[in-house]
Amino acid sequence: MRNIISMLVLALFTGTVSLVKAQDIIILTNGNEIKAKVLEIGTTEVKYKKYGNESGPNYYMGKSKIARIRYETGDEDVFSESDIQTETPVAPVRQTTTQRQETSQPVVTQRQETPVSRQPVVVADYPGIKHKKGYLGFLIGGGTVLEDYSNIDKGVHYSINAGYLFNNNVGVHISLFGSAYSLSNKSNTSYGLRGTFVGPLFSFPTQDYKLYFDLRPSIGLAQGEATIGEESGTTKGSFGVGIGTSLRWNVAESFALSFNLDYINAKAGEIDWPTVGFTLGFNWCF
């Protein structure tokens, strides 16, 4: 069980570190810095999105204003005057034979300067499904108890999940969950765990916002629940911890399918009750 907890904590730590580092830094000639996600470096300008608002519009910055760009990988691009092409050649003016005889001046290619934009130009050109900050999900599936209880069979795990993102990657979530496991040595008898957990939400969407990968560390209260025939009872509530992952697939503007993997560790009375649930369901996105 300790190995499973270590792997889940390592996954959470790796996702959090990736979130912190996943940004480019545009350093201007005046010393100011812009946290961004660089999309394209053109002849005269750089196309980027503001960090933390990857669902927002594109911005364009003239290369003459930029000293260098430091990427999330640690690499850097340094800009010099030779990198900035601000002149566009124009075809030479044709002259007749008479005109050539009347002037001794050579034909000169005319050039015109292409001005570099002084202000970022806002262009919203991203197609497809729009980024949704919130979701409410209903899921059900199987579960297993990680402790070696020989008389406990695999059971059912269900949950109601809700989350809200403050930006593209960070938010909060709440989960109301329950489980039920039958006992192999007693008929009409089941034992389970139910509770309410809350915690931060770390989300990593694809560029088109069709897929979201979520990490959900959480804490909360849980209690055991036993059913014998038609009678049922609950244990005293106890503190518990958990960590979950979700893969959400947006199949429509406000509807998504979700696959969740949740690890929960709490006590059911005096009994340690670490469980893993594998659930499928749907989310309403808003």
C-alpha atoms as a PDB file:
ATOM      1  CA  MET A   1       0.000   0.000   0.000  1.00  0.00           C
ATOM      2  CA  ARG A   2       2.891   2.351   0.764  1.00  0.00           C
ATOM      3  CA  ASN A   3       4.217   1.853  -2.784  1.00  0.00           C
ATOM      4  CA  ILE A   4       0.829   2.854  -4.234  1.00  0.00           C
ATOM      5  CA  ILE A   5       0.664   5.984  -2.071  1.00  0.00           C
ATOM      6  CA  SER A   6       4.233   6.905  -3.066  1.00  0.00           C
ATOM      7  CA  MET A   7       3.439   6.515  -6.766  1.00  0.00           C
ATOM      8  CA  LEU A   8       0.312   8.667  -6.479  1.00  0.00           C
ATOM      9  CA  VAL A   9       2.128  11.401  -4.530  1.00  0.00           C
ATOM     10  CA  LEU A  10       4.963  11.323  -7.114  1.00  0.00           C
ATOM     11  CA  ALA A  11       2.410  11.770  -9.914  1.00  0.00           C
ATOM     12  CA  LEU A  12       0.896  14.749  -8.119  1.00  0.00           C
ATOM     13  CA  PHE A  13       4.334  16.306  -7.505  1.00  0.00           C
ATOM     14  CA  THR A  14       5.398  15.804 -11.132  1.00  0.00           C
ATOM     15  CA  GLY A  15       2.182  17.380 -12.423  1.00  0.00           C
ATOM     16  CA  THR A  16       2.561  20.345 -10.088  1.00  0.00           C
ATOM     17  CA  VAL A  17       6.199  20.941 -11.103  1.00  0.00           C
ATOM     18  CA  SER A  18       5.228  20.751 -14.778  1.00  0.00           C
ATOM     19  CA  LEU A  19       2.530  23.337 -14.146  1.00  0.00           C
ATOM     20  CA  VAL A  20       5.023  25.706 -12.559  1.00  0.00           C
ATOM     21  CA  LYS A  21       7.633  25.370 -15.290  1.00  0.00           C
ATOM     22  CA  ALA A  22       5.362  25.254 -18.340  1.00  0.00           C
ATOM     23  CA  GLN A  23       5.868  28.839 -19.430  1.00  0.00           C
ATOM     24  CA  ASP A  24       8.044  30.886 -21.749  1.00  0.00           C
ATOM     25  CA  ILE A  25       9.501  34.287 -20.771  1.00  0.00           C
ATOM     26  CA  ILE A  26       9.625  37.132 -23.324  1.00  0.00           C
ATOM     27  CA  ILE A  27      12.260  39.645 -22.175  1.00  0.00           C
ATOM     28  CA  LEU A  28      11.801  43.107 -23.727  1.00  0.00           C
ATOM     29  CA  THR A  29      14.520  45.597 -24.616  1.00  0.00           C
ATOM     30  CA  ASN A  30      13.383  47.842 -21.738  1.00  0.00           C
ATOM     31  CA  GLY A  31      13.937  45.010 -19.233  1.00  0.00           C
ATOM     32  CA  ASN A  32      10.287  44.074 -18.681  1.00  0.00           C
ATOM     33  CA  GLU A  33       9.288  40.414 -18.819  1.00  0.00           C
ATOM     34  CA  ILE A  34       6.124  38.766 -20.164  1.00  0.00           C
ATOM     35  CA  LYS A  35       5.082  35.278 -19.079  1.00  0.00           C
ATOM     36  CA  ALA A  36       3.720  33.632 -22.203  1.00  0.00           C
ATOM     37  CA  LYS A  37       3.309  30.580 -24.391  1.00  0.00           C
ATOM     38  CA  VAL A  38       5.149  31.394 -27.632  1.00  0.00           C
ATOM     39  CA  LEU A  39       3.264  30.057 -30.672  1.00  0.00           C
ATOM     40  CA  GLU A  40       5.238  31.390 -33.660  1.00  0.00           C
ATOM     41  CA  ILE A  41       8.243  33.588 -34.462  1.00  0.00           C
ATOM     42  CA  GLY A  42       7.681  35.449 -37.726  1.00  0.00           C
ATOM     43  CA  THR A  43       9.811  37.783 -39.836  1.00  0.00           C
ATOM     44  CA  THR A  44       8.916  40.957 -37.943  1.00  0.00           C
ATOM     45  CA  GLU A  45       6.840  39.837 -34.966  1.00  0.00           C
ATOM     46  CA  VAL A  46       6.273  37.122 -32.364  1.00  0.00           C
ATOM     47  CA  LYS A  47       2.899  35.436 -31.877  1.00  0.00           C
ATOM     48  CA  TYR A  48       2.060  34.304 -28.320  1.00  0.00           C
ATOM     49  CA  LYS A  49      -0.624  33.702 -25.714  1.00  0.00           C
ATOM     50  CA  LYS A  50      -0.493  35.093 -22.196  1.00  0.00           C
ATOM     51  CA  TYR A  51       0.512  32.510 -19.580  1.00  0.00           C
ATOM     52  CA  GLY A  52      -2.434  31.373 -17.485  1.00  0.00           C
ATOM     53  CA  ASN A  53      -4.885  32.364 -20.242  1.00  0.00           C
ATOM     54  CA  GLU A  54      -4.109  29.875 -23.010  1.00  0.00           C
ATOM     55  CA  SER A  55      -7.802  29.850 -23.941  1.00  0.00           C
ATOM     56  CA  GLY A  56      -7.658  33.596 -24.577  1.00  0.00           C
ATOM     57  CA  PRO A  57      -6.729  35.531 -27.714  1.00  0.00           C
ATOM     58  CA  ASN A  58      -3.424  35.581 -29.576  1.00  0.00           C
ATOM     59  CA  TYR A  59      -1.041  38.531 -29.112  1.00  0.00           C
ATOM     60  CA  TYR A  60       1.588  39.893 -31.501  1.00  0.00           C
ATOM     61  CA  MET A  61       4.753  41.745 -30.429  1.00  0.00           C
ATOM     62  CA  GLY A  62       7.217  43.427 -32.797  1.00  0.00           C
ATOM     63  CA  LYS A  63      10.659  41.780 -32.715  1.00  0.00           C
ATOM     64  CA  SER A  64      12.286  45.220 -32.405  1.00  0.00           C
ATOM     65  CA  LYS A  65      10.896  45.392 -28.855  1.00  0.00           C
ATOM     66  CA  ILE A  66      12.229  41.974 -27.827  1.00  0.00           C
ATOM     67  CA  ALA A  67      15.741  41.335 -26.508  1.00  0.00           C
ATOM     68  CA  ARG A  68      15.416  37.565 -26.090  1.00  0.00           C
ATOM     69  CA  ILE A  69      13.002  34.713 -25.352  1.00  0.00           C
ATOM     70  CA  ARG A  70      13.674  32.121 -22.668  1.00  0.00           C
ATOM     71  CA  TYR A  71      11.670  28.934 -23.295  1.00  0.00           C
ATOM     72  CA  GLU A  72      10.277  26.512 -20.733  1.00  0.00           C
ATOM     73  CA  THR A  73      12.954  23.982 -21.818  1.00  0.00           C
ATOM     74  CA  GLY A  74      15.738  26.384 -20.757  1.00  0.00           C
ATOM     75  CA  ASP A  75      16.724  27.292 -24.341  1.00  0.00           C
ATOM     76  CA  GLU A  76      16.937  30.955 -25.392  1.00  0.00           C
ATOM     77  CA  ASP A  77      16.544  32.931 -28.608  1.00  0.00           C
ATOM     78  CA  VAL A  78      18.473  36.234 -28.654  1.00  0.00           C
ATOM     79  CA  PHE A  79      17.309  38.865 -31.150  1.00  0.00           C
ATOM     80  CA  SER A  80      19.610  41.298 -32.955  1.00  0.00           C
ATOM     81  CA  GLU A  81      18.934  43.975 -35.565  1.00  0.00           C
ATOM     82  CA  SER A  82      19.844  41.552 -38.349  1.00  0.00           C
ATOM     83  CA  ASP A  83      16.954  39.298 -37.249  1.00  0.00           C
ATOM     84  CA  ILE A  84      14.378  42.061 -37.864  1.00  0.00           C
ATOM     85  CA  GLN A  85      13.392  42.518 -41.509  1.00  0.00           C
ATOM     86  CA  THR A  86      11.378  45.695 -41.783  1.00  0.00           C
ATOM     87  CA  GLU A  87      11.841  46.576 -45.466  1.00  0.00           C
ATOM     88  CA  THR A  88       9.950  45.146 -48.408  1.00  0.00           C
ATOM     89  CA  PRO A  89      11.397  45.522 -51.937  1.00  0.00           C
ATOM     90  CA  VAL A  90       9.188  46.970 -54.645  1.00  0.00           C
ATOM     91  CA  ALA A  91       9.575  46.144 -58.341  1.00  0.00           C
ATOM     92  CA  PRO A  92      11.730  48.705 -60.246  1.00  0.00           C
ATOM     93  CA  VAL A  93      10.018  51.329 -62.414  1.00  0.00           C
ATOM     94  CA  ARG A  94      10.315  50.573 -66.138  1.00  0.00           C
ATOM     95  CA  GLN A  95      11.702  53.325 -68.374  1.00  0.00           C
ATOM     96  CA  THR A  96      11.339  53.788 -72.131  1.00  0.00           C
ATOM     97  CA  THR A  97      14.329  54.246 -74.461  1.00  0.00           C
ATOM     98  CA  THR A  98      13.628  57.983 -74.674  1.00  0.00           C
ATOM     99  CA  GLN A  99      13.529  58.283 -70.892  1.00  0.00           C
ATOM    100  CA  ARG A 100      16.862  56.464 -70.570  1.00  0.00           C
ATOM    101  CA  GLN A 101      18.449  58.912 -73.026  1.00  0.00           C
ATOM    102  CA  GLU A 102      17.068  61.963 -71.204  1.00  0.00           C
ATOM    103  CA  THR A 103      18.548  60.980 -67.850  1.00  0.00           C
ATOM    104  CA  SER A 104      21.927  59.754 -66.845  1.00  0.00           C
ATOM    105  CA  GLN A 105      20.659  58.502 -63.466  1.00  0.00           C
ATOM    106  CA  PRO A 106      20.491  54.733 -62.988  1.00  0.00           C
ATOM    107  CA  VAL A 107      17.176  53.010 -62.252  1.00  0.00           C
ATOM    108  CA  VAL A 108      16.896  52.695 -58.487  1.00  0.00           C
ATOM    109  CA  THR A 109      14.798  50.092 -56.728  1.00  0.00           C
ATOM    110  CA  GLN A 110      12.247  51.829 -54.558  1.00  0.00           C
ATOM    111  CA  ARG A 111      11.812  50.560 -51.004  1.00  0.00           C
ATOM    112  CA  GLN A 112       9.181  51.204 -48.412  1.00  0.00           C
ATOM    113  CA  GLU A 113       9.295  50.525 -44.707  1.00  0.00           C
ATOM    114  CA  THR A 114       6.839  48.190 -43.073  1.00  0.00           C
ATOM    115  CA  PRO A 115       6.045  49.696 -39.673  1.00  0.00           C
ATOM    116  CA  VAL A 116       6.348  47.514 -36.607  1.00  0.00           C
ATOM    117  CA  SER A 117       3.179  47.532 -34.516  1.00  0.00           C
ATOM    118  CA  ARG A 118       3.622  49.516 -31.310  1.00  0.00           C
ATOM    119  CA  GLN A 119       0.711  47.818 -29.562  1.00  0.00           C
ATOM    120  CA  PRO A 120      -0.143  44.086 -29.332  1.00  0.00           C
ATOM    121  CA  VAL A 121      -2.914  43.161 -31.760  1.00  0.00           C
ATOM    122  CA  VAL A 122      -5.648  41.022 -30.224  1.00  0.00           C
ATOM    123  CA  VAL A 123      -6.897  38.299 -32.551  1.00  0.00           C
ATOM    124  CA  ALA A 124      -9.187  35.514 -31.352  1.00  0.00           C
ATOM    125  CA  ASP A 125      -8.558  32.810 -33.963  1.00  0.00           C
ATOM    126  CA  TYR A 126      -8.925  29.556 -31.987  1.00  0.00           C
ATOM    127  CA  PRO A 127     -11.627  27.242 -33.355  1.00  0.00           C
ATOM    128  CA  GLY A 128     -13.478  24.285 -31.799  1.00  0.00           C
ATOM    129  CA  ILE A 129     -14.901  23.726 -28.320  1.00  0.00           C
ATOM    130  CA  LYS A 130     -14.533  26.634 -25.907  1.00  0.00           C
ATOM    131  CA  HIS A 131     -12.758  26.228 -22.589  1.00  0.00           C
ATOM    132  CA  LYS A 132     -15.211  25.486 -19.756  1.00  0.00           C
ATOM    133  CA  LYS A 133     -14.182  26.449 -16.237  1.00  0.00           C
ATOM    134  CA  GLY A 134     -16.651  24.303 -14.288  1.00  0.00           C
ATOM    135  CA  TYR A 135     -18.069  20.786 -14.349  1.00  0.00           C
ATOM    136  CA  LEU A 136     -20.514  18.571 -12.429  1.00  0.00           C
ATOM    137  CA  GLY A 137     -20.095  14.816 -12.858  1.00  0.00           C
ATOM    138  CA  PHE A 138     -21.919  11.585 -11.986  1.00  0.00           C
ATOM    139  CA  LEU A 139     -19.851   8.372 -12.069  1.00  0.00           C
ATOM    140  CA  ILE A 140     -20.184   4.697 -11.104  1.00  0.00           C
ATOM    141  CA  GLY A 141     -17.933   1.681 -11.433  1.00  0.00           C
ATOM    142  CA  GLY A 142     -15.957  -0.948  -9.580  1.00  0.00           C
ATOM    143  CA  GLY A 143     -13.749  -0.791  -6.519  1.00  0.00           C
ATOM    144  CA  THR A 144     -11.372  -2.873  -4.471  1.00  0.00           C
ATOM    145  CA  VAL A 145     -10.043  -2.795  -0.899  1.00  0.00           C
ATOM    146  CA  LEU A 146      -6.247  -2.756  -0.756  1.00  0.00           C
ATOM    147  CA  GLU A 147      -5.936  -4.388   2.669  1.00  0.00           C
ATOM    148  CA  ASP A 148      -5.770  -8.194   2.693  1.00  0.00           C
ATOM    149  CA  TYR A 149      -9.259  -8.981   3.932  1.00  0.00           C
ATOM    150  CA  SER A 150      -9.932 -12.505   2.677  1.00  0.00           C
ATOM    151  CA  ASN A 151     -13.716 -12.342   3.155  1.00  0.00           C
ATOM    152  CA  ILE A 152     -14.262  -9.075   1.207  1.00  0.00           C
ATOM    153  CA  ASP A 153     -15.138  -9.296  -2.482  1.00  0.00           C
ATOM    154  CA  LYS A 154     -14.719  -6.552  -5.049  1.00  0.00           C
ATOM    155  CA  GLY A 155     -17.488  -4.017  -4.902  1.00  0.00           C
ATOM    156  CA  VAL A 156     -19.149  -0.917  -6.314  1.00  0.00           C
ATOM    157  CA  HIS A 157     -17.788   2.643  -6.156  1.00  0.00           C
ATOM    158  CA  TYR A 158     -19.819   5.741  -7.063  1.00  0.00           C
ATOM    159  CA  SER A 159     -19.304   9.497  -6.790  1.00  0.00           C
ATOM    160  CA  ILE A 160     -20.643  12.960  -7.544  1.00  0.00           C
ATOM    161  CA  ASN A 161     -17.805  15.319  -8.476  1.00  0.00           C
ATOM    162  CA  ALA A 162     -17.731  19.067  -9.080  1.00  0.00           C
ATOM    163  CA  GLY A 163     -14.824  21.339  -9.966  1.00  0.00           C
ATOM    164  CA  TYR A 164     -14.082  24.916 -10.964  1.00  0.00           C
ATOM    165  CA  LEU A 165     -10.921  26.273 -12.621  1.00  0.00           C
ATOM    166  CA  PHE A 166      -9.666  29.769 -11.770  1.00  0.00           C
ATOM    167  CA  ASN A 167      -7.549  29.671 -14.952  1.00  0.00           C
ATOM    168  CA  ASN A 168      -6.569  26.987 -17.467  1.00  0.00           C
ATOM    169  CA  ASN A 169      -4.723  24.840 -14.934  1.00  0.00           C
ATOM    170  CA  VAL A 170      -5.626  25.527 -11.271  1.00  0.00           C
ATOM    171  CA  GLY A 171      -8.897  25.345  -9.405  1.00  0.00           C
ATOM    172  CA  VAL A 172     -10.808  23.546  -6.606  1.00  0.00           C
ATOM    173  CA  HIS A 173     -12.953  20.412  -6.481  1.00  0.00           C
ATOM    174  CA  ILE A 174     -15.365  18.550  -4.181  1.00  0.00           C
ATOM    175  CA  SER A 175     -16.320  14.877  -4.251  1.00  0.00           C
ATOM    176  CA  LEU A 176     -19.215  13.033  -2.570  1.00  0.00           C
ATOM    177  CA  PHE A 177     -18.457   9.328  -2.800  1.00  0.00           C
ATOM    178  CA  GLY A 178     -19.627   5.947  -1.565  1.00  0.00           C
ATOM    179  CA  SER A 179     -18.773   2.265  -1.911  1.00  0.00           C
ATOM    180  CA  ALA A 180     -20.245  -1.109  -1.030  1.00  0.00           C
ATOM    181  CA  TYR A 181     -18.466  -4.485  -0.765  1.00  0.00           C
ATOM    182  CA  SER A 182     -20.115  -7.832  -0.157  1.00  0.00           C
ATOM    183  CA  LEU A 183     -18.747 -10.354   2.325  1.00  0.00           C
ATOM    184  CA  SER A 184     -18.034 -13.798   0.902  1.00  0.00           C
ATOM    185  CA  ASN A 185     -18.727 -15.596   4.208  1.00  0.00           C
ATOM    186  CA  LYS A 186     -22.040 -13.846   4.973  1.00  0.00           C
ATOM    187  CA  SER A 187     -25.050 -13.574   2.705  1.00  0.00           C
ATOM    188  CA  ASN A 188     -27.070 -10.343   2.477  1.00  0.00           C
ATOM    189  CA  THR A 189     -24.211  -8.480   4.157  1.00  0.00           C
ATOM    190  CA  SER A 190     -22.164  -5.602   2.755  1.00  0.00           C
ATOM    191  CA  TYR A 191     -19.688  -3.115   4.110  1.00  0.00           C
ATOM    192  CA  GLY A 192     -18.522   0.155   2.591  1.00  0.00           C
ATOM    193  CA  LEU A 193     -17.280   3.695   2.956  1.00  0.00           C
ATOM    194  CA  ARG A 194     -18.876   7.047   2.221  1.00  0.00           C
ATOM    195  CA  GLY A 195     -17.713  10.622   2.685  1.00  0.00           C
ATOM    196  CA  THR A 196     -17.036  14.108   1.361  1.00  0.00           C
ATOM    197  CA  PHE A 197     -13.568  15.230   0.234  1.00  0.00           C
ATOM    198  CA  VAL A 198     -12.342  18.608  -1.039  1.00  0.00           C
ATOM    199  CA  GLY A 199      -9.031  19.882  -2.398  1.00  0.00           C
ATOM    200  CA  PRO A 200      -7.168  21.658  -5.201  1.00  0.00           C
ATOM    201  CA  LEU A 201      -7.702  20.795  -8.845  1.00  0.00           C
ATOM    202  CA  PHE A 202      -4.819  20.693 -11.340  1.00  0.00           C
ATOM    203  CA  SER A 203      -6.008  20.439 -14.931  1.00  0.00           C
ATOM    204  CA  PHE A 204      -4.039  19.973 -18.172  1.00  0.00           C
ATOM    205  CA  PRO A 205      -6.181  20.489 -21.318  1.00  0.00           C
ATOM    206  CA  THR A 206      -5.169  19.821 -24.894  1.00  0.00           C
ATOM    207  CA  GLN A 207      -4.878  22.822 -27.216  1.00  0.00           C
ATOM    208  CA  ASP A 208      -8.343  22.258 -28.711  1.00  0.00           C
ATOM    209  CA  TYR A 209      -9.913  21.686 -25.237  1.00  0.00           C
ATOM    210  CA  LYS A 210     -11.352  18.324 -26.222  1.00  0.00           C
ATOM    211  CA  LEU A 211      -9.394  16.393 -23.579  1.00  0.00           C
ATOM    212  CA  TYR A 212      -8.576  17.319 -19.972  1.00  0.00           C
ATOM    213  CA  PHE A 213      -6.271  15.392 -17.641  1.00  0.00           C
ATOM    214  CA  ASP A 214      -6.943  16.245 -13.981  1.00  0.00           C
ATOM    215  CA  LEU A 215      -5.092  15.619 -10.714  1.00  0.00           C
ATOM    216  CA  ARG A 216      -7.227  15.880  -7.552  1.00  0.00           C
ATOM    217  CA  PRO A 217      -5.508  15.619  -4.133  1.00  0.00           C
ATOM    218  CA  SER A 218      -8.069  15.867  -1.345  1.00  0.00           C
ATOM    219  CA  ILE A 219      -8.885  15.598   2.362  1.00  0.00           C
ATOM    220  CA  GLY A 220     -12.182  15.209   4.170  1.00  0.00           C
ATOM    221  CA  LEU A 221     -14.420  13.133   6.429  1.00  0.00           C
ATOM    222  CA  ALA A 222     -15.549   9.548   5.845  1.00  0.00           C
ATOM    223  CA  GLN A 223     -17.491   6.896   7.740  1.00  0.00           C
ATOM    224  CA  GLY A 224     -18.105   3.180   7.392  1.00  0.00           C
ATOM    225  CA  GLU A 225     -21.525   1.824   6.508  1.00  0.00           C
ATOM    226  CA  ALA A 226     -22.702  -1.753   7.140  1.00  0.00           C
ATOM    227  CA  THR A 227     -25.866  -3.427   5.819  1.00  0.00           C
ATOM    228  CA  ILE A 228     -27.133  -6.753   7.189  1.00  0.00           C
ATOM    229  CA  GLY A 229     -30.338  -7.842   5.540  1.00  0.00           C
ATOM    230  CA  GLU A 230     -32.748  -4.938   5.830  1.00  0.00           C
ATOM    231  CA  GLU A 231     -30.865  -3.265   8.669  1.00  0.00           C
ATOM    232  CA  SER A 232     -28.018  -0.791   8.260  1.00  0.00           C
ATOM    233  CA  GLY A 233     -25.746   1.330  10.435  1.00  0.00           C
ATOM    234  CA  THR A 234     -22.799   3.672  10.236  1.00  0.00           C
ATOM    235  CA  THR A 235     -19.564   4.132  12.158  1.00  0.00           C
ATOM    236  CA  LYS A 236     -18.208   7.292  13.678  1.00  0.00           C
ATOM    237  CA  GLY A 237     -16.776   9.726  11.124  1.00  0.00           C
ATOM    238  CA  SER A 238     -13.005   9.862  10.658  1.00  0.00           C
ATOM    239  CA  PHE A 239     -10.459  11.992   8.842  1.00  0.00           C
ATOM    240  CA  GLY A 240      -9.308  10.695   5.458  1.00  0.00           C
ATOM    241  CA  VAL A 241      -7.085  11.566   2.524  1.00  0.00           C
ATOM    242  CA  GLY A 242      -7.246  10.782  -1.156  1.00  0.00           C
ATOM    243  CA  ILE A 243      -5.853  11.440  -4.583  1.00  0.00           C
ATOM    244  CA  GLY A 244      -7.592  10.994  -7.899  1.00  0.00           C
ATOM    245  CA  THR A 245      -7.049  11.370 -11.615  1.00  0.00           C
ATOM    246  CA  SER A 246      -9.589  12.064 -14.319  1.00  0.00           C
ATOM    247  CA  LEU A 247      -9.622  11.953 -18.099  1.00  0.00           C
ATOM    248  CA  ARG A 248     -12.447  14.127 -19.407  1.00  0.00           C
ATOM    249  CA  TRP A 249     -13.432  14.004 -23.083  1.00  0.00           C
ATOM    250  CA  ASN A 250     -15.615  16.891 -24.285  1.00  0.00           C
ATOM    251  CA  VAL A 251     -17.927  15.338 -26.878  1.00  0.00           C
ATOM    252  CA  ALA A 252     -20.117  18.453 -27.093  1.00  0.00           C
ATOM    253  CA  GLU A 253     -20.100  22.103 -26.003  1.00  0.00           C
ATOM    254  CA  SER A 254     -21.482  21.368 -22.513  1.00  0.00           C
ATOM    255  CA  PHE A 255     -21.188  17.590 -22.212  1.00  0.00           C
ATOM    256  CA  ALA A 256     -18.178  15.364 -21.458  1.00  0.00           C
ATOM    257  CA  LEU A 257     -17.472  11.711 -20.768  1.00  0.00           C
ATOM    258  CA  SER A 258     -15.189  11.006 -17.816  1.00  0.00           C
ATOM    259  CA  PHE A 259     -13.006   8.148 -16.567  1.00  0.00           C
ATOM    260  CA  ASN A 260     -11.840   8.470 -12.943  1.00  0.00           C
ATOM    261  CA  LEU A 261      -9.277   6.578 -10.880  1.00  0.00           C
ATOM    262  CA  ASP A 262      -9.518   7.407  -7.145  1.00  0.00           C
ATOM    263  CA  TYR A 263      -7.488   6.272  -4.154  1.00  0.00           C
ATOM    264  CA  ILE A 264      -9.104   6.864  -0.725  1.00  0.00           C
ATOM    265  CA  ASN A 265      -7.614   6.053   2.683  1.00  0.00           C
ATOM    266  CA  ALA A 266      -9.837   6.373   5.748  1.00  0.00           C
ATOM    267  CA  LYS A 267     -11.021   4.359   8.730  1.00  0.00           C
ATOM    268  CA  ALA A 268     -14.355   2.564   8.942  1.00  0.00           C
ATOM    269  CA  GLY A 269     -14.702   2.518  12.702  1.00  0.00           C
ATOM    270  CA  GLU A 270     -11.434   0.971  13.903  1.00  0.00           C
ATOM    271  CA  ILE A 271     -10.720  -0.739  10.576  1.00  0.00           C
ATOM    272  CA  ASP A 272      -8.307   0.688   8.009  1.00  0.00           C
ATOM    273  CA  TRP A 273     -10.193   0.960   4.733  1.00  0.00           C
ATOM    274  CA  PRO A 274      -7.899   1.966   1.830  1.00  0.00           C
ATOM    275  CA  THR A 275      -9.752   1.605  -1.454  1.00  0.00           C
ATOM    276  CA  VAL A 276      -9.314   2.246  -5.161  1.00  0.00           C
ATOM    277  CA  GLY A 277     -12.285   3.053  -7.362  1.00  0.00           C
ATOM    278  CA  PHE A 278     -12.515   2.829 -11.162  1.00  0.00           C
ATOM    279  CA  THR A 279     -15.511   4.774 -12.419  1.00  0.00           C
ATOM    280  CA  LEU A 280     -17.087   5.944 -15.670  1.00  0.00           C
ATOM    281  CA  GLY A 281     -19.670   8.664 -16.111  1.00  0.00           C
ATOM    282  CA  PHE A 282     -20.591  11.986 -17.657  1.00  0.00           C
ATOM    283  CA  ASN A 283     -20.021  15.644 -16.817  1.00  0.00           C
ATOM    284  CA  TRP A 284     -22.120  18.720 -17.414  1.00  0.00           C
ATOM    285  CA  CYS A 285     -19.662  21.527 -18.283  1.00  0.00           C
ATOM    286  CA  PHE A 286     -20.300  25.222 -17.685  1.00  0.00           C
END
